[in-house]
């Protein structure tokens, strides 16, 4: 059980994981992480996710409130970007965990091969090992 002094830290971490708890949000974050500058225009995110504009807007608002993404305007275009490169590392680690869980599920492993590439030196070895299985 967390002590009184660490409870807020666990709550913040739990709120972070809650903000990630939707497939569209994970997809958005992976698209951002795959970009060399960790950013993408809203139009691109709409195209990739297939989400309705209002739905995507809600998902982006959740990620923004959690401090995972930030937005900016370039002319008429709104872009989102990861607030820290460590978010990409988190996604890489989560994908490595996923791939180890999918061992023996060839169809799901094939589908995982279609996901956008993610950066990350530490988790990359796990991704490579899982892909070779």
C-alpha atoms as a PDB file:
ATOM      1  CA  UNK A   1       0.000   0.000   0.000  1.00  0.00           C
ATOM      2  CA  UNK A   2       1.417   3.387  -0.939  1.00  0.00           C
ATOM      3  CA  UNK A   3       2.400   5.740   1.824  1.00  0.00           C
ATOM      4  CA  UNK A   4       0.675   9.065   2.177  1.00  0.00           C
ATOM      5  CA  UNK A   5       3.637  10.885   0.568  1.00  0.00           C
ATOM      6  CA  UNK A   6       3.759   8.651  -2.520  1.00  0.00           C
ATOM      7  CA  UNK A   7       0.016   8.342  -3.128  1.00  0.00           C
ATOM      8  CA  UNK A   8      -0.193  11.465  -5.341  1.00  0.00           C
ATOM      9  CA  UNK A   9       2.611  10.081  -7.516  1.00  0.00           C
ATOM     10  CA  UNK A  10       0.728   6.815  -8.032  1.00  0.00           C
ATOM     11  CA  UNK A  11      -2.440   8.748  -8.791  1.00  0.00           C
ATOM     12  CA  UNK A  12      -0.634  10.813 -11.450  1.00  0.00           C
ATOM     13  CA  UNK A  13       0.755   7.627 -12.988  1.00  0.00           C
ATOM     14  CA  UNK A  14      -2.672   5.980 -12.937  1.00  0.00           C
ATOM     15  CA  UNK A  15      -4.165   9.044 -14.639  1.00  0.00           C
ATOM     16  CA  UNK A  16      -1.478   8.789 -17.329  1.00  0.00           C
ATOM     17  CA  UNK A  17      -2.355   5.151 -18.002  1.00  0.00           C
ATOM     18  CA  UNK A  18      -6.070   5.994 -18.061  1.00  0.00           C
ATOM     19  CA  UNK A  19      -5.392   8.585 -20.732  1.00  0.00           C
ATOM     20  CA  UNK A  20      -3.744   5.877 -22.846  1.00  0.00           C
ATOM     21  CA  UNK A  21      -6.613   3.430 -22.402  1.00  0.00           C
ATOM     22  CA  UNK A  22      -8.186   3.653 -25.852  1.00  0.00           C
ATOM     23  CA  UNK A  23      -7.026   2.108 -29.144  1.00  0.00           C
ATOM     24  CA  UNK A  24      -7.409   5.364 -31.087  1.00  0.00           C
ATOM     25  CA  UNK A  25      -5.266   7.240 -28.566  1.00  0.00           C
ATOM     26  CA  UNK A  26      -2.559   4.596 -28.761  1.00  0.00           C
ATOM     27  CA  UNK A  27      -2.697   4.769 -32.555  1.00  0.00           C
ATOM     28  CA  UNK A  28      -2.373   8.569 -32.491  1.00  0.00           C
ATOM     29  CA  UNK A  29       0.595   8.356 -30.144  1.00  0.00           C
ATOM     30  CA  UNK A  30       2.291   5.721 -32.287  1.00  0.00           C
ATOM     31  CA  UNK A  31       1.844   7.873 -35.398  1.00  0.00           C
ATOM     32  CA  UNK A  32       3.406  10.806 -33.538  1.00  0.00           C
ATOM     33  CA  UNK A  33       6.215   8.641 -32.166  1.00  0.00           C
ATOM     34  CA  UNK A  34       7.023   7.262 -35.630  1.00  0.00           C
ATOM     35  CA  UNK A  35       7.563  10.756 -37.049  1.00  0.00           C
ATOM     36  CA  UNK A  36      11.183  11.986 -36.711  1.00  0.00           C
ATOM     37  CA  UNK A  37       9.925  15.203 -35.099  1.00  0.00           C
ATOM     38  CA  UNK A  38       7.213  13.388 -33.090  1.00  0.00           C
ATOM     39  CA  UNK A  39       4.464  15.462 -34.708  1.00  0.00           C
ATOM     40  CA  UNK A  40       1.614  15.217 -37.203  1.00  0.00           C
ATOM     41  CA  UNK A  41      -1.143  17.410 -38.592  1.00  0.00           C
ATOM     42  CA  UNK A  42      -4.700  16.726 -37.508  1.00  0.00           C
ATOM     43  CA  UNK A  43      -5.628  15.921 -41.123  1.00  0.00           C
ATOM     44  CA  UNK A  44      -3.039  13.148 -41.192  1.00  0.00           C
ATOM     45  CA  UNK A  45      -4.254  11.777 -37.851  1.00  0.00           C
ATOM     46  CA  UNK A  46      -7.828  11.746 -39.187  1.00  0.00           C
ATOM     47  CA  UNK A  47      -6.704   9.868 -42.285  1.00  0.00           C
ATOM     48  CA  UNK A  48      -4.649   7.293 -40.393  1.00  0.00           C
ATOM     49  CA  UNK A  49      -7.138   6.605 -37.611  1.00  0.00           C
ATOM     50  CA  UNK A  50     -10.328   6.749 -39.673  1.00  0.00           C
ATOM     51  CA  UNK A  51     -11.974   8.474 -36.716  1.00  0.00           C
ATOM     52  CA  UNK A  52     -14.635  11.129 -37.061  1.00  0.00           C
ATOM     53  CA  UNK A  53     -13.275  14.634 -36.490  1.00  0.00           C
ATOM     54  CA  UNK A  54     -15.301  15.103 -33.296  1.00  0.00           C
ATOM     55  CA  UNK A  55     -14.123  11.754 -31.898  1.00  0.00           C
ATOM     56  CA  UNK A  56     -10.490  12.469 -32.710  1.00  0.00           C
ATOM     57  CA  UNK A  57     -10.816  15.900 -31.120  1.00  0.00           C
ATOM     58  CA  UNK A  58     -12.052  14.302 -27.890  1.00  0.00           C
ATOM     59  CA  UNK A  59      -9.202  11.779 -27.873  1.00  0.00           C
ATOM     60  CA  UNK A  60      -6.631  14.501 -28.499  1.00  0.00           C
ATOM     61  CA  UNK A  61      -8.142  16.559 -25.662  1.00  0.00           C
ATOM     62  CA  UNK A  62      -7.712  13.619 -23.265  1.00  0.00           C
ATOM     63  CA  UNK A  63      -4.072  13.227 -24.302  1.00  0.00           C
ATOM     64  CA  UNK A  64      -3.493  16.961 -24.018  1.00  0.00           C
ATOM     65  CA  UNK A  65      -5.019  17.131 -20.504  1.00  0.00           C
ATOM     66  CA  UNK A  66      -2.722  14.287 -19.473  1.00  0.00           C
ATOM     67  CA  UNK A  67       0.250  16.272 -20.746  1.00  0.00           C
ATOM     68  CA  UNK A  68       1.218  13.602 -23.285  1.00  0.00           C
ATOM     69  CA  UNK A  69       0.714  15.785 -26.374  1.00  0.00           C
ATOM     70  CA  UNK A  70       0.754  19.480 -27.151  1.00  0.00           C
ATOM     71  CA  UNK A  71      -0.777  21.325 -30.078  1.00  0.00           C
ATOM     72  CA  UNK A  72       0.323  24.191 -32.232  1.00  0.00           C
ATOM     73  CA  UNK A  73      -0.951  26.005 -35.283  1.00  0.00           C
ATOM     74  CA  UNK A  74       0.966  26.495 -38.509  1.00  0.00           C
ATOM     75  CA  UNK A  75      -1.151  28.671 -40.764  1.00  0.00           C
ATOM     76  CA  UNK A  76      -4.513  26.953 -41.043  1.00  0.00           C
ATOM     77  CA  UNK A  77      -3.173  23.590 -39.884  1.00  0.00           C
ATOM     78  CA  UNK A  78      -3.202  22.306 -36.320  1.00  0.00           C
ATOM     79  CA  UNK A  79      -0.400  19.940 -35.429  1.00  0.00           C
ATOM     80  CA  UNK A  80       0.053  17.726 -32.420  1.00  0.00           C
ATOM     81  CA  UNK A  81       3.313  16.478 -31.041  1.00  0.00           C
ATOM     82  CA  UNK A  82       4.552  14.360 -28.174  1.00  0.00           C
ATOM     83  CA  UNK A  83       5.540  16.473 -25.194  1.00  0.00           C
ATOM     84  CA  UNK A  84       8.569  14.287 -24.449  1.00  0.00           C
ATOM     85  CA  UNK A  85      10.549  11.647 -26.361  1.00  0.00           C
ATOM     86  CA  UNK A  86      10.155   9.322 -23.388  1.00  0.00           C
ATOM     87  CA  UNK A  87       6.514   8.840 -24.457  1.00  0.00           C
ATOM     88  CA  UNK A  88       7.843   7.109 -27.588  1.00  0.00           C
ATOM     89  CA  UNK A  89       9.969   4.865 -25.348  1.00  0.00           C
ATOM     90  CA  UNK A  90       6.876   3.988 -23.308  1.00  0.00           C
ATOM     91  CA  UNK A  91       5.061   2.991 -26.509  1.00  0.00           C
ATOM     92  CA  UNK A  92       8.028   0.912 -27.669  1.00  0.00           C
ATOM     93  CA  UNK A  93       8.142  -0.917 -24.355  1.00  0.00           C
ATOM     94  CA  UNK A  94       4.385  -1.510 -24.465  1.00  0.00           C
ATOM     95  CA  UNK A  95       4.674  -2.901 -28.006  1.00  0.00           C
ATOM     96  CA  UNK A  96       7.524  -5.186 -26.941  1.00  0.00           C
ATOM     97  CA  UNK A  97       5.326  -6.489 -24.126  1.00  0.00           C
ATOM     98  CA  UNK A  98       2.462  -6.982 -26.588  1.00  0.00           C
ATOM     99  CA  UNK A  99       4.640  -8.931 -29.006  1.00  0.00           C
ATOM    100  CA  UNK A 100       5.880 -11.241 -26.267  1.00  0.00           C
ATOM    101  CA  UNK A 101       2.248 -11.891 -25.299  1.00  0.00           C
ATOM    102  CA  UNK A 102       1.320 -12.685 -28.924  1.00  0.00           C
ATOM    103  CA  UNK A 103       3.821 -15.515 -29.281  1.00  0.00           C
ATOM    104  CA  UNK A 104       2.011 -18.345 -31.028  1.00  0.00           C
ATOM    105  CA  UNK A 105      -0.650 -16.086 -32.546  1.00  0.00           C
ATOM    106  CA  UNK A 106       0.764 -15.806 -36.068  1.00  0.00           C
ATOM    107  CA  UNK A 107      -2.115 -13.754 -37.473  1.00  0.00           C
ATOM    108  CA  UNK A 108      -1.796 -11.153 -34.715  1.00  0.00           C
ATOM    109  CA  UNK A 109       1.987 -11.073 -35.047  1.00  0.00           C
ATOM    110  CA  UNK A 110       1.548 -10.458 -38.788  1.00  0.00           C
ATOM    111  CA  UNK A 111      -0.844  -7.600 -37.995  1.00  0.00           C
ATOM    112  CA  UNK A 112       1.674  -6.182 -35.499  1.00  0.00           C
ATOM    113  CA  UNK A 113       4.252  -6.040 -38.298  1.00  0.00           C
ATOM    114  CA  UNK A 114       2.017  -3.457 -40.008  1.00  0.00           C
ATOM    115  CA  UNK A 115       2.216  -1.015 -37.076  1.00  0.00           C
ATOM    116  CA  UNK A 116       4.311   2.141 -37.566  1.00  0.00           C
ATOM    117  CA  UNK A 117       7.949   1.832 -36.524  1.00  0.00           C
ATOM    118  CA  UNK A 118       8.761   3.177 -33.087  1.00  0.00           C
ATOM    119  CA  UNK A 119      12.057   4.515 -31.807  1.00  0.00           C
ATOM    120  CA  UNK A 120      13.732   3.160 -28.737  1.00  0.00           C
ATOM    121  CA  UNK A 121      17.079   1.547 -28.192  1.00  0.00           C
ATOM    122  CA  UNK A 122      16.289  -0.314 -24.985  1.00  0.00           C
ATOM    123  CA  UNK A 123      13.053  -1.939 -26.101  1.00  0.00           C
ATOM    124  CA  UNK A 124      14.120  -2.442 -29.725  1.00  0.00           C
ATOM    125  CA  UNK A 125      15.944  -5.657 -28.878  1.00  0.00           C
ATOM    126  CA  UNK A 126      12.729  -7.063 -27.395  1.00  0.00           C
ATOM    127  CA  UNK A 127      10.814  -6.052 -30.508  1.00  0.00           C
ATOM    128  CA  UNK A 128      13.370  -7.702 -32.774  1.00  0.00           C
ATOM    129  CA  UNK A 129      13.432 -10.884 -30.687  1.00  0.00           C
ATOM    130  CA  UNK A 130       9.651 -11.127 -30.631  1.00  0.00           C
ATOM    131  CA  UNK A 131       9.454 -10.557 -34.394  1.00  0.00           C
ATOM    132  CA  UNK A 132      11.872 -13.447 -35.035  1.00  0.00           C
ATOM    133  CA  UNK A 133       9.721 -15.956 -33.127  1.00  0.00           C
END
